Amino acid sequence: HRTLLVDDSEAVLQSAATWGIRWLLTIY
């Protein structure tokens, strides 16, 4: 809940969101 993931992969970000990481950011 106090962690940010920065990743350019939509699939990875979705996996992290499903798992419960609160803060997510992609690279355009």
PDB file of all heavy atoms in Angstrom:
ATOM      1  N   HIS A   1       0.817  -1.221   0.000  1.00  0.00           N
ATOM      2  CA  HIS A   1       0.000   0.000   0.000  1.00  0.00           C
ATOM      3  C   HIS A   1       0.852   1.273   0.000  1.00  0.00           C
ATOM      4  O   HIS A   1       0.341   2.357  -0.235  1.00  0.00           O
ATOM      5  CB  HIS A   1      -0.942   0.006   1.208  1.00  0.00           C
ATOM      6  CG  HIS A   1      -1.858  -1.175   1.238  1.00  0.00           C
ATOM      7  ND1 HIS A   1      -2.837  -1.381   0.283  1.00  0.00           N
ATOM      8  CD2 HIS A   1      -1.923  -2.233   2.088  1.00  0.00           C
ATOM      9  CE1 HIS A   1      -3.478  -2.504   0.554  1.00  0.00           C
ATOM     10  NE2 HIS A   1      -2.952  -3.044   1.635  1.00  0.00           N
ATOM     11  N   ARG A   2       2.156   1.113   0.267  1.00  0.00           N
ATOM     12  CA  ARG A   2       3.067   2.260   0.283  1.00  0.00           C
ATOM     13  C   ARG A   2       4.216   2.045  -0.714  1.00  0.00           C
ATOM     14  O   ARG A   2       5.352   2.462  -0.478  1.00  0.00           O
ATOM     15  CB  ARG A   2       3.614   2.500   1.696  1.00  0.00           C
ATOM     16  CG  ARG A   2       2.527   2.880   2.708  1.00  0.00           C
ATOM     17  CD  ARG A   2       3.130   3.245   4.058  1.00  0.00           C
ATOM     18  NE  ARG A   2       4.053   4.374   3.970  1.00  0.00           N
ATOM     19  CZ  ARG A   2       3.665   5.649   3.970  1.00  0.00           C
ATOM     20  NH1 ARG A   2       2.381   5.974   4.051  1.00  0.00           N
ATOM     21  NH2 ARG A   2       4.573   6.617   3.894  1.00  0.00           N
ATOM     22  N   THR A   3       3.863   1.393  -1.819  1.00  0.00           N
ATOM     23  CA  THR A   3       4.855   1.062  -2.850  1.00  0.00           C
ATOM     24  C   THR A   3       4.391   1.563  -4.213  1.00  0.00           C
ATOM     25  O   THR A   3       3.222   1.455  -4.560  1.00  0.00           O
ATOM     26  CB  THR A   3       5.078  -0.467  -2.897  1.00  0.00           C
ATOM     27  OG1 THR A   3       5.671  -0.881  -1.661  1.00  0.00           O
ATOM     28  CG2 THR A   3       5.991  -0.863  -4.044  1.00  0.00           C
ATOM     29  N   LEU A   4       5.351   2.092  -4.971  1.00  0.00           N
ATOM     30  CA  LEU A   4       5.126   2.527  -6.355  1.00  0.00           C
ATOM     31  C   LEU A   4       5.887   1.606  -7.289  1.00  0.00           C
ATOM     32  O   LEU A   4       7.066   1.322  -7.053  1.00  0.00           O
ATOM     33  CB  LEU A   4       5.620   3.965  -6.544  1.00  0.00           C
ATOM     34  CG  LEU A   4       5.783   4.465  -7.994  1.00  0.00           C
ATOM     35  CD1 LEU A   4       4.435   4.588  -8.693  1.00  0.00           C
ATOM     36  CD2 LEU A   4       6.538   5.800  -8.017  1.00  0.00           C
ATOM     37  N   LEU A   5       5.224   1.134  -8.350  1.00  0.00           N
ATOM     38  CA  LEU A   5       5.890   0.406  -9.432  1.00  0.00           C
ATOM     39  C   LEU A   5       5.856   1.283 -10.680  1.00  0.00           C
ATOM     40  O   LEU A   5       4.789   1.767 -11.080  1.00  0.00           O
ATOM     41  CB  LEU A   5       5.183  -0.918  -9.725  1.00  0.00           C
ATOM     42  CG  LEU A   5       5.644  -1.628 -11.011  1.00  0.00           C
ATOM     43  CD1 LEU A   5       7.085  -2.117 -10.892  1.00  0.00           C
ATOM     44  CD2 LEU A   5       4.710  -2.796 -11.367  1.00  0.00           C
ATOM     45  N   VAL A   6       7.018   1.478 -11.298  1.00  0.00           N
ATOM     46  CA  VAL A   6       7.105   2.179 -12.578  1.00  0.00           C
ATOM     47  C   VAL A   6       7.565   1.171 -13.619  1.00  0.00           C
ATOM     48  O   VAL A   6       8.632   0.566 -13.477  1.00  0.00           O
ATOM     49  CB  VAL A   6       8.091   3.363 -12.530  1.00  0.00           C
ATOM     50  CG1 VAL A   6       7.983   4.184 -13.817  1.00  0.00           C
ATOM     51  CG2 VAL A   6       7.844   4.241 -11.313  1.00  0.00           C
ATOM     52  N   ASP A   7       6.753   0.982 -14.667  1.00  0.00           N
ATOM     53  CA  ASP A   7       7.038  -0.056 -15.665  1.00  0.00           C
ATOM     54  C   ASP A   7       6.407   0.357 -16.990  1.00  0.00           C
ATOM     55  O   ASP A   7       5.331   0.978 -16.995  1.00  0.00           O
ATOM     56  CB  ASP A   7       6.452  -1.399 -15.200  1.00  0.00           C
ATOM     57  CG  ASP A   7       7.127  -2.608 -15.830  1.00  0.00           C
ATOM     58  OD1 ASP A   7       7.098  -2.727 -17.074  1.00  0.00           O
ATOM     59  OD2 ASP A   7       7.676  -3.417 -15.072  1.00  0.00           O
ATOM     60  N   ASP A   8       7.041   0.015 -18.095  1.00  0.00           N
ATOM     61  CA  ASP A   8       6.476   0.381 -19.401  1.00  0.00           C
ATOM     62  C   ASP A   8       5.567  -0.704 -19.963  1.00  0.00           C
ATOM     63  O   ASP A   8       5.005  -0.538 -21.046  1.00  0.00           O
ATOM     64  CB  ASP A   8       7.591   0.699 -20.409  1.00  0.00           C
ATOM     65  CG  ASP A   8       8.436  -0.520 -20.749  1.00  0.00           C
ATOM     66  OD1 ASP A   8       8.843  -1.246 -19.823  1.00  0.00           O
ATOM     67  OD2 ASP A   8       8.696  -0.748 -21.938  1.00  0.00           O
ATOM     68  N   SER A   9       5.413  -1.811 -19.257  1.00  0.00           N
ATOM     69  CA  SER A   9       4.590  -2.923 -19.734  1.00  0.00           C
ATOM     70  C   SER A   9       3.197  -2.896 -19.114  1.00  0.00           C
ATOM     71  O   SER A   9       3.047  -2.969 -17.885  1.00  0.00           O
ATOM     72  CB  SER A   9       5.259  -4.256 -19.391  1.00  0.00           C
ATOM     73  OG  SER A   9       4.359  -5.338 -19.537  1.00  0.00           O
ATOM     74  N   GLU A  10       2.185  -2.833 -19.957  1.00  0.00           N
ATOM     75  CA  GLU A  10       0.807  -2.857 -19.469  1.00  0.00           C
ATOM     76  C   GLU A  10       0.493  -4.178 -18.756  1.00  0.00           C
ATOM     77  O   GLU A  10      -0.189  -4.197 -17.735  1.00  0.00           O
ATOM     78  CB  GLU A  10      -0.166  -2.665 -20.642  1.00  0.00           C
ATOM     79  CG  GLU A  10      -0.177  -1.281 -21.226  1.00  0.00           C
ATOM     80  CD  GLU A  10      -0.886  -0.274 -20.347  1.00  0.00           C
ATOM     81  OE1 GLU A  10      -2.082  -0.456 -20.041  1.00  0.00           O
ATOM     82  OE2 GLU A  10      -0.229   0.716 -19.961  1.00  0.00           O
ATOM     83  N   ALA A  11       1.003  -5.280 -19.309  1.00  0.00           N
ATOM     84  CA  ALA A  11       0.727  -6.589 -18.714  1.00  0.00           C
ATOM     85  C   ALA A  11       1.320  -6.697 -17.316  1.00  0.00           C
ATOM     86  O   ALA A  11       0.706  -7.258 -16.399  1.00  0.00           O
ATOM     87  CB  ALA A  11       1.274  -7.700 -19.604  1.00  0.00           C
ATOM     88  N   VAL A  12       2.518  -6.158 -17.138  1.00  0.00           N
ATOM     89  CA  VAL A  12       3.164  -6.196 -15.821  1.00  0.00           C
ATOM     90  C   VAL A  12       2.429  -5.291 -14.840  1.00  0.00           C
ATOM     91  O   VAL A  12       2.190  -5.662 -13.685  1.00  0.00           O
ATOM     92  CB  VAL A  12       4.650  -5.808 -15.934  1.00  0.00           C
ATOM     93  CG1 VAL A  12       5.262  -5.600 -14.551  1.00  0.00           C
ATOM     94  CG2 VAL A  12       5.418  -6.877 -16.697  1.00  0.00           C
ATOM     95  N   LEU A  13       2.067  -4.100 -15.285  1.00  0.00           N
ATOM     96  CA  LEU A  13       1.323  -3.191 -14.415  1.00  0.00           C
ATOM     97  C   LEU A  13      -0.017  -3.787 -13.991  1.00  0.00           C
ATOM     98  O   LEU A  13      -0.429  -3.670 -12.834  1.00  0.00           O
ATOM     99  CB  LEU A  13       1.112  -1.851 -15.113  1.00  0.00           C
ATOM    100  CG  LEU A  13       2.365  -0.988 -15.281  1.00  0.00           C
ATOM    101  CD1 LEU A  13       2.117   0.135 -16.283  1.00  0.00           C
ATOM    102  CD2 LEU A  13       2.816  -0.412 -13.945  1.00  0.00           C
ATOM    103  N   GLN A  14      -0.679  -4.470 -14.910  1.00  0.00           N
ATOM    104  CA  GLN A  14      -1.956  -5.103 -14.572  1.00  0.00           C
ATOM    105  C   GLN A  14      -1.747  -6.233 -13.574  1.00  0.00           C
ATOM    106  O   GLN A  14      -2.544  -6.416 -12.643  1.00  0.00           O
ATOM    107  CB  GLN A  14      -2.638  -5.633 -15.836  1.00  0.00           C
ATOM    108  CG  GLN A  14      -4.047  -6.160 -15.588  1.00  0.00           C
ATOM    109  CD  GLN A  14      -4.942  -5.116 -14.945  1.00  0.00           C
ATOM    110  OE1 GLN A  14      -5.202  -4.050 -15.523  1.00  0.00           O
ATOM    111  NE2 GLN A  14      -5.429  -5.396 -13.731  1.00  0.00           N
ATOM    112  N   SER A  15      -0.675  -6.985 -13.753  1.00  0.00           N
ATOM    113  CA  SER A  15      -0.349  -8.053 -12.808  1.00  0.00           C
ATOM    114  C   SER A  15      -0.119  -7.480 -11.413  1.00  0.00           C
ATOM    115  O   SER A  15      -0.628  -8.004 -10.415  1.00  0.00           O
ATOM    116  CB  SER A  15       0.902  -8.802 -13.281  1.00  0.00           C
ATOM    117  OG  SER A  15       1.350  -9.726 -12.305  1.00  0.00           O
ATOM    118  N   ALA A  16       0.634  -6.385 -11.346  1.00  0.00           N
ATOM    119  CA  ALA A  16       0.913  -5.750 -10.054  1.00  0.00           C
ATOM    120  C   ALA A  16      -0.357  -5.175  -9.437  1.00  0.00           C
ATOM    121  O   ALA A  16      -0.553  -5.244  -8.221  1.00  0.00           O
ATOM    122  CB  ALA A  16       1.961  -4.652 -10.234  1.00  0.00           C
ATOM    123  N   ALA A  17      -1.230  -4.613 -10.277  1.00  0.00           N
ATOM    124  CA  ALA A  17      -2.500  -4.067  -9.776  1.00  0.00           C
ATOM    125  C   ALA A  17      -3.369  -5.173  -9.196  1.00  0.00           C
ATOM    126  O   ALA A  17      -3.959  -5.020  -8.115  1.00  0.00           O
ATOM    127  CB  ALA A  17      -3.239  -3.345 -10.906  1.00  0.00           C
ATOM    128  N   THR A  18      -3.442  -6.290  -9.897  1.00  0.00           N
ATOM    129  CA  THR A  18      -4.222  -7.432  -9.416  1.00  0.00           C
ATOM    130  C   THR A  18      -3.680  -7.933  -8.086  1.00  0.00           C
ATOM    131  O   THR A  18      -4.441  -8.286  -7.173  1.00  0.00           O
ATOM    132  CB  THR A  18      -4.188  -8.565 -10.456  1.00  0.00           C
ATOM    133  OG1 THR A  18      -4.754  -8.089 -11.680  1.00  0.00           O
ATOM    134  CG2 THR A  18      -4.957  -9.783  -9.980  1.00  0.00           C
ATOM    135  N   TRP A  19      -2.358  -7.939  -7.965  1.00  0.00           N
ATOM    136  CA  TRP A  19      -1.716  -8.428  -6.741  1.00  0.00           C
ATOM    137  C   TRP A  19      -1.907  -7.456  -5.584  1.00  0.00           C
ATOM    138  O   TRP A  19      -1.886  -7.868  -4.424  1.00  0.00           O
ATOM    139  CB  TRP A  19      -0.231  -8.666  -7.007  1.00  0.00           C
ATOM    140  CG  TRP A  19       0.476  -9.352  -5.880  1.00  0.00           C
ATOM    141  CD1 TRP A  19       0.449 -10.685  -5.560  1.00  0.00           C
ATOM    142  CD2 TRP A  19       1.312  -8.724  -4.912  1.00  0.00           C
ATOM    143  NE1 TRP A  19       1.231 -10.933  -4.448  1.00  0.00           N
ATOM    144  CE2 TRP A  19       1.769  -9.743  -4.037  1.00  0.00           C
ATOM    145  CE3 TRP A  19       1.730  -7.412  -4.695  1.00  0.00           C
ATOM    146  CZ2 TRP A  19       2.621  -9.485  -2.972  1.00  0.00           C
ATOM    147  CZ3 TRP A  19       2.580  -7.152  -3.626  1.00  0.00           C
ATOM    148  CH2 TRP A  19       3.019  -8.179  -2.779  1.00  0.00           C
ATOM    149  N   GLY A  20      -2.083  -6.172  -5.894  1.00  0.00           N
ATOM    150  CA  GLY A  20      -2.405  -5.239  -4.828  1.00  0.00           C
ATOM    151  C   GLY A  20      -1.463  -4.073  -4.621  1.00  0.00           C
ATOM    152  O   GLY A  20      -1.625  -3.313  -3.657  1.00  0.00           O
ATOM    153  N   ILE A  21      -0.482  -3.890  -5.510  1.00  0.00           N
ATOM    154  CA  ILE A  21       0.383  -2.712  -5.386  1.00  0.00           C
ATOM    155  C   ILE A  21      -0.459  -1.466  -5.656  1.00  0.00           C
ATOM    156  O   ILE A  21      -1.144  -1.378  -6.679  1.00  0.00           O
ATOM    157  CB  ILE A  21       1.589  -2.808  -6.328  1.00  0.00           C
ATOM    158  CG1 ILE A  21       2.531  -3.921  -5.835  1.00  0.00           C
ATOM    159  CG2 ILE A  21       2.345  -1.471  -6.394  1.00  0.00           C
ATOM    160  CD1 ILE A  21       3.755  -4.125  -6.674  1.00  0.00           C
ATOM    161  N   ARG A  22      -0.383  -0.509  -4.749  1.00  0.00           N
ATOM    162  CA  ARG A  22      -1.307   0.630  -4.814  1.00  0.00           C
ATOM    163  C   ARG A  22      -0.938   1.647  -5.900  1.00  0.00           C
ATOM    164  O   ARG A  22      -1.799   2.123  -6.639  1.00  0.00           O
ATOM    165  CB  ARG A  22      -1.339   1.345  -3.464  1.00  0.00           C
ATOM    166  CG  ARG A  22      -2.267   2.557  -3.481  1.00  0.00           C
ATOM    167  CD  ARG A  22      -2.301   3.253  -2.135  1.00  0.00           C
ATOM    168  NE  ARG A  22      -3.180   4.426  -2.173  1.00  0.00           N
ATOM    169  CZ  ARG A  22      -3.298   5.306  -1.195  1.00  0.00           C
ATOM    170  NH1 ARG A  22      -2.597   5.133  -0.079  1.00  0.00           N
ATOM    171  NH2 ARG A  22      -4.103   6.345  -1.316  1.00  0.00           N
ATOM    172  N   TRP A  23       0.347   2.001  -5.965  1.00  0.00           N
ATOM    173  CA  TRP A  23       0.764   3.089  -6.844  1.00  0.00           C
ATOM    174  C   TRP A  23       1.434   2.517  -8.100  1.00  0.00           C
ATOM    175  O   TRP A  23       2.405   1.765  -7.999  1.00  0.00           O
ATOM    176  CB  TRP A  23       1.728   4.030  -6.110  1.00  0.00           C
ATOM    177  CG  TRP A  23       1.102   4.655  -4.906  1.00  0.00           C
ATOM    178  CD1 TRP A  23       1.230   4.247  -3.606  1.00  0.00           C
ATOM    179  CD2 TRP A  23       0.225   5.784  -4.893  1.00  0.00           C
ATOM    180  NE1 TRP A  23       0.488   5.058  -2.781  1.00  0.00           N
ATOM    181  CE2 TRP A  23      -0.132   6.014  -3.540  1.00  0.00           C
ATOM    182  CE3 TRP A  23      -0.286   6.632  -5.873  1.00  0.00           C
ATOM    183  CZ2 TRP A  23      -0.986   7.040  -3.158  1.00  0.00           C
ATOM    184  CZ3 TRP A  23      -1.134   7.663  -5.492  1.00  0.00           C
ATOM    185  CH2 TRP A  23      -1.465   7.856  -4.151  1.00  0.00           C
ATOM    186  N   LEU A  24       0.909   2.875  -9.257  1.00  0.00           N
ATOM    187  CA  LEU A  24       1.382   2.321 -10.520  1.00  0.00           C
ATOM    188  C   LEU A  24       1.545   3.439 -11.541  1.00  0.00           C
ATOM    189  O   LEU A  24       0.699   4.322 -11.651  1.00  0.00           O
ATOM    190  CB  LEU A  24       0.393   1.278 -11.055  1.00  0.00           C
ATOM    191  CG  LEU A  24       0.127   0.104 -10.111  1.00  0.00           C
ATOM    192  CD1 LEU A  24      -1.170  -0.605 -10.481  1.00  0.00           C
ATOM    193  CD2 LEU A  24       1.290  -0.878 -10.136  1.00  0.00           C
ATOM    194  N   LEU A  25       2.633   3.367 -12.297  1.00  0.00           N
ATOM    195  CA  LEU A  25       2.947   4.425 -13.251  1.00  0.00           C
ATOM    196  C   LEU A  25       3.575   3.799 -14.491  1.00  0.00           C
ATOM    197  O   LEU A  25       4.463   2.942 -14.380  1.00  0.00           O
ATOM    198  CB  LEU A  25       3.935   5.394 -12.603  1.00  0.00           C
ATOM    199  CG  LEU A  25       4.071   6.805 -13.155  1.00  0.00           C
ATOM    200  CD1 LEU A  25       2.752   7.573 -13.035  1.00  0.00           C
ATOM    201  CD2 LEU A  25       5.181   7.538 -12.399  1.00  0.00           C
ATOM    202  N   THR A  26       3.116   4.223 -15.657  1.00  0.00           N
ATOM    203  CA  THR A  26       3.698   3.715 -16.898  1.00  0.00           C
ATOM    204  C   THR A  26       4.609   4.757 -17.529  1.00  0.00           C
ATOM    205  O   THR A  26       4.646   5.918 -17.102  1.00  0.00           O
ATOM    206  CB  THR A  26       2.599   3.294 -17.898  1.00  0.00           C
ATOM    207  OG1 THR A  26       3.198   2.528 -18.954  1.00  0.00           O
ATOM    208  CG2 THR A  26       1.889   4.504 -18.498  1.00  0.00           C
ATOM    209  N   ILE A  27       5.362   4.320 -18.528  1.00  0.00           N
ATOM    210  CA  ILE A  27       6.269   5.193 -19.279  1.00  0.00           C
ATOM    211  C   ILE A  27       5.729   5.307 -20.701  1.00  0.00           C
ATOM    212  O   ILE A  27       5.557   4.296 -21.394  1.00  0.00           O
ATOM    213  CB  ILE A  27       7.699   4.617 -19.306  1.00  0.00           C
ATOM    214  CG1 ILE A  27       8.275   4.523 -17.895  1.00  0.00           C
ATOM    215  CG2 ILE A  27       8.606   5.451 -20.217  1.00  0.00           C
ATOM    216  CD1 ILE A  27       8.568   5.850 -17.234  1.00  0.00           C
ATOM    217  N   TYR A  28       5.469   6.530 -21.145  1.00  0.00           N
ATOM    218  CA  TYR A  28       4.894   6.739 -22.470  1.00  0.00           C
ATOM    219  C   TYR A  28       5.922   6.702 -23.601  1.00  0.00           C
ATOM    220  O   TYR A  28       5.558   6.524 -24.754  1.00  0.00           O
ATOM    221  CB  TYR A  28       4.164   8.088 -22.525  1.00  0.00           C
ATOM    222  CG  TYR A  28       2.908   8.155 -21.696  1.00  0.00           C
ATOM    223  CD1 TYR A  28       2.656   9.264 -20.890  1.00  0.00           C
ATOM    224  CD2 TYR A  28       1.967   7.123 -21.702  1.00  0.00           C
ATOM    225  CE1 TYR A  28       1.499   9.347 -20.130  1.00  0.00           C
ATOM    226  CE2 TYR A  28       0.818   7.199 -20.949  1.00  0.00           C
ATOM    227  CZ  TYR A  28       0.589   8.313 -20.157  1.00  0.00           C
ATOM    228  OH  TYR A  28      -0.553   8.391 -19.398  1.00  0.00           O
TER     229      TYR A  28
END
